[in-house]
C-alpha atoms as a PDB file:
ATOM      1  CA  MET A   1     164.315  59.743  65.475  1.00  0.00           C
ATOM      2  CA  SER A   2     166.944  59.693  68.060  1.00  0.00           C
ATOM      3  CA  LEU A   3     167.892  56.720  70.140  1.00  0.00           C
ATOM      4  CA  LYS A   4     166.329  58.258  73.243  1.00  0.00           C
ATOM      5  CA  GLU A   5     162.971  58.697  71.456  1.00  0.00           C
ATOM      6  CA  ASN A   6     163.107  55.104  70.226  1.00  0.00           C
ATOM      7  CA  ILE A   7     163.707  53.825  73.752  1.00  0.00           C
ATOM      8  CA  ASN A   8     160.772  55.891  75.094  1.00  0.00           C
ATOM      9  CA  PHE A   9     158.561  54.593  72.309  1.00  0.00           C
ATOM     10  CA  VAL A  10     159.488  50.969  73.111  1.00  0.00           C
ATOM     11  CA  LYS A  11     158.856  51.590  76.840  1.00  0.00           C
ATOM     12  CA  GLU A  12     155.393  52.984  76.084  1.00  0.00           C
ATOM     13  CA  GLU A  13     154.587  50.000  73.892  1.00  0.00           C
ATOM     14  CA  LEU A  14     155.716  47.600  76.589  1.00  0.00           C
ATOM     15  CA  ASN A  15     153.666  49.465  79.206  1.00  0.00           C
ATOM     16  CA  SER A  16     150.525  49.288  77.058  1.00  0.00           C
ATOM     17  CA  GLU A  17     151.049  45.566  76.407  1.00  0.00           C
ATOM     18  CA  GLU A  18     151.713  45.024  80.103  1.00  0.00           C
ATOM     19  CA  LYS A  19     148.492  46.839  80.999  1.00  0.00           C
ATOM     20  CA  PHE A  20     146.583  44.767  78.478  1.00  0.00           C
ATOM     21  CA  LEU A  21     147.972  41.523  79.912  1.00  0.00           C
ATOM     22  CA  GLU A  22     147.298  42.753  83.443  1.00  0.00           C
ATOM     23  CA  GLY A  23     143.665  43.477  82.510  1.00  0.00           C
ATOM     24  CA  PHE A  24     143.347  40.084  80.896  1.00  0.00           C
ATOM     25  CA  VAL A  25     144.733  38.364  84.011  1.00  0.00           C
ATOM     26  CA  LYS A  26     142.284  40.313  86.220  1.00  0.00           C
ATOM     27  CA  PHE A  27     139.394  39.293  83.973  1.00  0.00           C
ATOM     28  CA  GLU A  28     140.561  35.672  84.032  1.00  0.00           C
ATOM     29  CA  LYS A  29     140.688  35.716  87.852  1.00  0.00           C
ATOM     30  CA  PHE A  30     137.221  37.291  87.999  1.00  0.00           C
ATOM     31  CA  TYR A  31     135.888  34.725  85.525  1.00  0.00           C
ATOM     32  CA  LYS A  32     137.318  31.777  87.459  1.00  0.00           C
ATOM     33  CA  LYS A  33     135.959  33.159  90.711  1.00  0.00           C
ATOM     34  CA  ASN A  34     132.468  33.949  89.328  1.00  0.00           C
ATOM     35  CA  LYS A  35     132.213  31.427  86.488  1.00  0.00           C
ATOM     36  CA  VAL A  36     128.730  30.224  87.418  1.00  0.00           C
ATOM     37  CA  ILE A  37     127.357  33.754  87.720  1.00  0.00           C
ATOM     38  CA  VAL A  38     128.858  34.871  84.386  1.00  0.00           C
ATOM     39  CA  ILE A  39     127.510  31.809  82.577  1.00  0.00           C
ATOM     40  CA  GLY A  40     124.112  32.324  84.253  1.00  0.00           C
ATOM     41  CA  VAL A  41     123.929  35.995  83.193  1.00  0.00           C
ATOM     42  CA  VAL A  42     124.895  35.121  79.621  1.00  0.00           C
ATOM     43  CA  ALA A  43     122.335  32.293  79.528  1.00  0.00           C
ATOM     44  CA  VAL A  44     119.583  34.558  80.902  1.00  0.00           C
ATOM     45  CA  ALA A  45     120.453  37.224  78.337  1.00  0.00           C
ATOM     46  CA  ILE A  46     120.322  34.684  75.504  1.00  0.00           C
ATOM     47  CA  LEU A  47     116.997  33.296  76.759  1.00  0.00           C
ATOM     48  CA  ALA A  48     115.564  36.821  77.120  1.00  0.00           C
ATOM     49  CA  VAL A  49     116.539  37.748  73.560  1.00  0.00           C
ATOM     50  CA  GLY A  50     115.170  34.433  72.278  1.00  0.00           C
ATOM     51  CA  GLY A  51     111.922  34.874  74.218  1.00  0.00           C
ATOM     52  CA  MET A  52     111.440  38.418  72.963  1.00  0.00           C
ATOM     53  CA  SER A  53     112.076  37.293  69.393  1.00  0.00           C
ATOM     54  CA  PHE A  54     109.594  34.445  69.748  1.00  0.00           C
ATOM     55  CA  LYS A  55     106.951  36.767  71.262  1.00  0.00           C
ATOM     56  CA  SER A  56     107.472  39.294  68.472  1.00  0.00           C
ATOM     57  CA  TYR A  57     107.136  36.561  65.848  1.00  0.00           C
ATOM     58  CA  THR A  58     103.995  35.172  67.514  1.00  0.00           C
ATOM     59  CA  ASN A  59     102.429  38.635  67.701  1.00  0.00           C
ATOM     60  CA  SER A  60     103.203  39.216  64.038  1.00  0.00           C
ATOM     61  CA  VAL A  61     101.634  35.903  63.010  1.00  0.00           C
ATOM     62  CA  ASN A  62      98.560  36.550  65.201  1.00  0.00           C
ATOM     63  CA  LYS A  63      98.160  40.023  63.724  1.00  0.00           C
ATOM     64  CA  LYS A  64      98.237  38.663  60.177  1.00  0.00           C
ATOM     65  CA  GLU A  65      95.828  35.825  60.993  1.00  0.00           C
ATOM     66  CA  SER A  66      93.423  38.137  62.812  1.00  0.00           C
ATOM     67  CA  ASN A  67      93.432  40.655  59.945  1.00  0.00           C
ATOM     68  CA  ILE A  68      92.690  37.893  57.450  1.00  0.00           C
ATOM     69  CA  ALA A  69      89.912  36.573  59.689  1.00  0.00           C
ATOM     70  CA  PHE A  70      88.463  40.082  60.159  1.00  0.00           C
ATOM     71  CA  ASN A  71      88.451  40.701  56.398  1.00  0.00           C
ATOM     72  CA  SER A  72      86.729  37.354  55.941  1.00  0.00           C
ATOM     73  CA  PHE A  73      84.147  38.339  58.564  1.00  0.00           C
ATOM     74  CA  LEU A  74      83.532  41.673  56.824  1.00  0.00           C
ATOM     75  CA  LYS A  75      82.728  39.804  53.615  1.00  0.00           C
ATOM     76  CA  ASP A  76      80.419  37.354  55.383  1.00  0.00           C
ATOM     77  CA  ASN A  77      79.022  38.277  58.826  1.00  0.00           C
ATOM     78  CA  ASN A  78      77.993  34.656  59.422  1.00  0.00           C
ATOM     79  CA  ASP A  79      81.532  33.269  59.051  1.00  0.00           C
ATOM     80  CA  LYS A  80      81.847  31.395  62.360  1.00  0.00           C
ATOM     81  CA  ALA A  81      85.377  30.204  61.625  1.00  0.00           C
ATOM     82  CA  ALA A  82      86.521  33.812  61.219  1.00  0.00           C
ATOM     83  CA  LEU A  83      84.851  34.785  64.511  1.00  0.00           C
ATOM     84  CA  GLU A  84      86.509  31.873  66.330  1.00  0.00           C
ATOM     85  CA  LYS A  85      89.894  32.822  64.864  1.00  0.00           C
ATOM     86  CA  LEU A  86      89.391  36.435  65.976  1.00  0.00           C
ATOM     87  CA  GLN A  87      88.401  35.305  69.448  1.00  0.00           C
ATOM     88  CA  SER A  88      91.594  33.295  69.827  1.00  0.00           C
ATOM     89  CA  THR A  89      94.026  35.750  68.199  1.00  0.00           C
ATOM     90  CA  ASN A  90      92.742  39.304  68.775  1.00  0.00           C
ATOM     91  CA  LYS A  91      90.116  40.064  71.432  1.00  0.00           C
ATOM     92  CA  GLN A  92      89.636  43.688  70.348  1.00  0.00           C
ATOM     93  CA  LEU A  93      88.945  42.828  66.711  1.00  0.00           C
ATOM     94  CA  PHE A  94      86.623  40.102  67.957  1.00  0.00           C
ATOM     95  CA  GLU A  95      84.672  42.713  69.935  1.00  0.00           C
ATOM     96  CA  VAL A  96      84.533  45.004  66.892  1.00  0.00           C
ATOM     97  CA  ALA A  97      83.196  42.105  64.808  1.00  0.00           C
ATOM     98  CA  THR A  98      80.662  41.240  67.515  1.00  0.00           C
ATOM     99  CA  TYR A  99      79.568  44.879  67.642  1.00  0.00           C
ATOM    100  CA  LEU A 100      79.185  45.064  63.857  1.00  0.00           C
ATOM    101  CA  LYS A 101      77.242  41.799  63.752  1.00  0.00           C
ATOM    102  CA  ALA A 102      74.904  42.946  66.549  1.00  0.00           C
ATOM    103  CA  LYS A 103      74.415  46.294  64.830  1.00  0.00           C
ATOM    104  CA  ASN A 104      73.500  44.579  61.546  1.00  0.00           C
ATOM    105  CA  GLU A 105      71.038  42.381  63.406  1.00  0.00           C
ATOM    106  CA  LYS A 106      69.700  45.450  65.291  1.00  0.00           C
ATOM    107  CA  LYS A 107      70.720  43.950  68.636  1.00  0.00           C
ATOM    108  CA  ASP A 108      72.896  45.143  71.497  1.00  0.00           C
ATOM    109  CA  ALA A 109      76.332  43.717  72.139  1.00  0.00           C
ATOM    110  CA  GLU A 110      78.469  43.783  75.269  1.00  0.00           C
ATOM    111  CA  ILE A 111      81.634  45.683  74.436  1.00  0.00           C
ATOM    112  CA  SER A 112      84.608  46.738  76.533  1.00  0.00           C
ATOM    113  CA  ILE A 113      86.411  48.850  73.922  1.00  0.00           C
ATOM    114  CA  THR A 114      85.996  52.393  75.206  1.00  0.00           C
ATOM    115  CA  PHE A 115      85.200  54.209  71.959  1.00  0.00           C
ATOM    116  CA  LEU A 116      82.774  51.580  70.681  1.00  0.00           C
ATOM    117  CA  LYS A 117      81.096  51.462  74.069  1.00  0.00           C
ATOM    118  CA  ASP A 118      80.725  55.263  74.032  1.00  0.00           C
ATOM    119  CA  LEU A 119      79.354  55.178  70.491  1.00  0.00           C
ATOM    120  CA  SER A 120      76.880  52.461  71.406  1.00  0.00           C
ATOM    121  CA  GLU A 121      75.651  54.299  74.511  1.00  0.00           C
ATOM    122  CA  TYR A 122      75.366  57.545  72.540  1.00  0.00           C
ATOM    123  CA  SER A 123      73.344  55.865  69.792  1.00  0.00           C
ATOM    124  CA  LYS A 124      70.989  54.279  72.329  1.00  0.00           C
ATOM    125  CA  ALA A 125      70.490  57.596  74.137  1.00  0.00           C
ATOM    126  CA  VAL A 126      69.740  59.487  70.918  1.00  0.00           C
ATOM    127  CA  LYS A 127      67.406  56.758  69.680  1.00  0.00           C
ATOM    128  CA  ALA A 128      65.542  56.715  73.009  1.00  0.00           C
ATOM    129  CA  GLN A 129      65.561  60.539  73.220  1.00  0.00           C
ATOM    130  CA  ASN A 130      66.968  60.081  76.737  1.00  0.00           C
ATOM    131  CA  ILE A 131      68.032  63.519  78.021  1.00  0.00           C
ATOM    132  CA  ASP A 132      69.417  62.145  81.287  1.00  0.00           C
ATOM    133  CA  LYS A 133      71.672  59.668  79.515  1.00  0.00           C
ATOM    134  CA  LEU A 134      72.897  62.340  77.071  1.00  0.00           C
ATOM    135  CA  SER A 135      73.638  64.602  80.047  1.00  0.00           C
ATOM    136  CA  SER A 136      75.619  61.928  81.842  1.00  0.00           C
ATOM    137  CA  LEU A 137      77.568  61.103  78.666  1.00  0.00           C
ATOM    138  CA  SER A 138      78.384  64.767  78.023  1.00  0.00           C
ATOM    139  CA  MET A 139      79.678  65.149  81.594  1.00  0.00           C
ATOM    140  CA  GLN A 140      82.343  62.485  81.071  1.00  0.00           C
ATOM    141  CA  SER A 141      85.611  64.286  80.374  1.00  0.00           C
ATOM    142  CA  ASP A 142      86.927  61.590  78.028  1.00  0.00           C
ATOM    143  CA  PHE A 143      83.684  61.014  76.107  1.00  0.00           C
ATOM    144  CA  LEU A 144      84.393  60.985  72.379  1.00  0.00           C
ATOM    145  CA  LEU A 145      81.126  62.586  71.219  1.00  0.00           C
ATOM    146  CA  LYS A 146      80.696  65.094  74.040  1.00  0.00           C
ATOM    147  CA  GLU A 147      79.622  68.052  71.868  1.00  0.00           C
ATOM    148  CA  PHE A 148      77.271  65.901  69.788  1.00  0.00           C
ATOM    149  CA  ALA A 149      75.640  64.639  72.967  1.00  0.00           C
ATOM    150  CA  LEU A 150      75.154  68.216  74.173  1.00  0.00           C
ATOM    151  CA  PHE A 151      73.735  69.266  70.812  1.00  0.00           C
ATOM    152  CA  ASN A 152      71.326  66.339  70.721  1.00  0.00           C
ATOM    153  CA  LYS A 153      70.242  67.116  74.272  1.00  0.00           C
ATOM    154  CA  ALA A 154      69.517  70.715  73.202  1.00  0.00           C
ATOM    155  CA  LEU A 155      67.626  69.445  70.160  1.00  0.00           C
ATOM    156  CA  ILE A 156      65.464  67.146  72.292  1.00  0.00           C
ATOM    157  CA  LEU A 157      64.817  69.988  74.758  1.00  0.00           C
ATOM    158  CA  THR A 158      63.801  72.210  71.847  1.00  0.00           C
ATOM    159  CA  ASN A 159      61.378  69.552  70.589  1.00  0.00           C
ATOM    160  CA  GLU A 160      59.903  69.402  74.097  1.00  0.00           C
ATOM    161  CA  ALA A 161      59.508  73.229  74.081  1.00  0.00           C
ATOM    162  CA  LYS A 162      62.074  73.669  76.894  1.00  0.00           C
ATOM    163  CA  TYR A 163      63.752  76.547  75.088  1.00  0.00           C
ATOM    164  CA  ILE A 164      65.613  78.094  78.031  1.00  0.00           C
ATOM    165  CA  ASP A 165      67.184  74.758  78.950  1.00  0.00           C
ATOM    166  CA  ALA A 166      68.114  74.191  75.297  1.00  0.00           C
ATOM    167  CA  LYS A 167      69.845  77.595  75.125  1.00  0.00           C
ATOM    168  CA  GLU A 168      71.779  76.861  78.321  1.00  0.00           C
ATOM    169  CA  THR A 169      72.861  73.495  76.955  1.00  0.00           C
ATOM    170  CA  LEU A 170      74.087  75.049  73.706  1.00  0.00           C
ATOM    171  CA  LYS A 171      76.256  77.475  75.713  1.00  0.00           C
ATOM    172  CA  LEU A 172      78.237  74.471  76.985  1.00  0.00           C
ATOM    173  CA  ILE A 173      79.496  73.684  73.475  1.00  0.00           C
ATOM    174  CA  PRO A 174      82.822  75.423  72.702  1.00  0.00           C
ATOM    175  CA  LYS A 175      83.009  77.833  69.764  1.00  0.00           C
ATOM    176  CA  LYS A 176      85.829  75.794  68.208  1.00  0.00           C
ATOM    177  CA  SER A 177      83.743  72.613  68.179  1.00  0.00           C
ATOM    178  CA  ARG A 178      82.970  70.824  64.932  1.00  0.00           C
ATOM    179  CA  VAL A 179      79.318  70.982  65.964  1.00  0.00           C
ATOM    180  CA  ASN A 180      79.384  74.785  66.077  1.00  0.00           C
ATOM    181  CA  ASP A 181      77.693  75.204  62.661  1.00  0.00           C
ATOM    182  CA  LEU A 182      74.717  73.195  63.930  1.00  0.00           C
ATOM    183  CA  VAL A 183      74.749  75.165  67.191  1.00  0.00           C
ATOM    184  CA  VAL A 184      74.528  78.432  65.245  1.00  0.00           C
ATOM    185  CA  LEU A 185      71.532  77.128  63.287  1.00  0.00           C
ATOM    186  CA  LEU A 186      69.719  75.936  66.401  1.00  0.00           C
ATOM    187  CA  ASN A 187      70.512  79.195  68.254  1.00  0.00           C
ATOM    188  CA  HIS A 188      69.101  81.112  65.296  1.00  0.00           C
ATOM    189  CA  TYR A 189      65.883  79.122  65.553  1.00  0.00           C
ATOM    190  CA  LEU A 190      65.775  79.620  69.337  1.00  0.00           C
ATOM    191  CA  LEU A 191      66.027  83.432  69.000  1.00  0.00           C
ATOM    192  CA  THR A 192      62.321  83.539  68.230  1.00  0.00           C
ATOM    193  CA  LYS A 193      61.415  81.307  71.169  1.00  0.00           C
END
């Protein structure tokens, strides 16, 4: 290297160090001017991370406790301690347990879980042979057992000798439905009616 290159190299090094020191001085001025705000932001960030960690830990513990309680309930439906634990740690599992207990006792239970509620209403409608209820359930766009409700409605109509209505109801069930095999069988029977 020549002397000129060495001098340029030293100048560049000094410029970069000068810029670093200048940045540090600017940060120091900003810090002194806004010390309270900086400390507040850092404290809020630390509290937020701590709070999220605590919430995550609590959720994990509740999940484990509720699963243990639910397993205990499944072994013994009369385990009141397990039901109380479920009620305090996991409302949805508590409702599932309440539903299962009511079903075993052949009673009805108040449920707010959408799929269990749909299943319960569907079972009641089929058991009662209630065409109107099956119709209203099948008209709900998000109803889980829509095709089964339509098929059961058609089956009830067939049993009541309302063959034309049964055929029209079966047409509402899509060809790609899992119920289609049953639809084909019922349509075959209805050909002679």
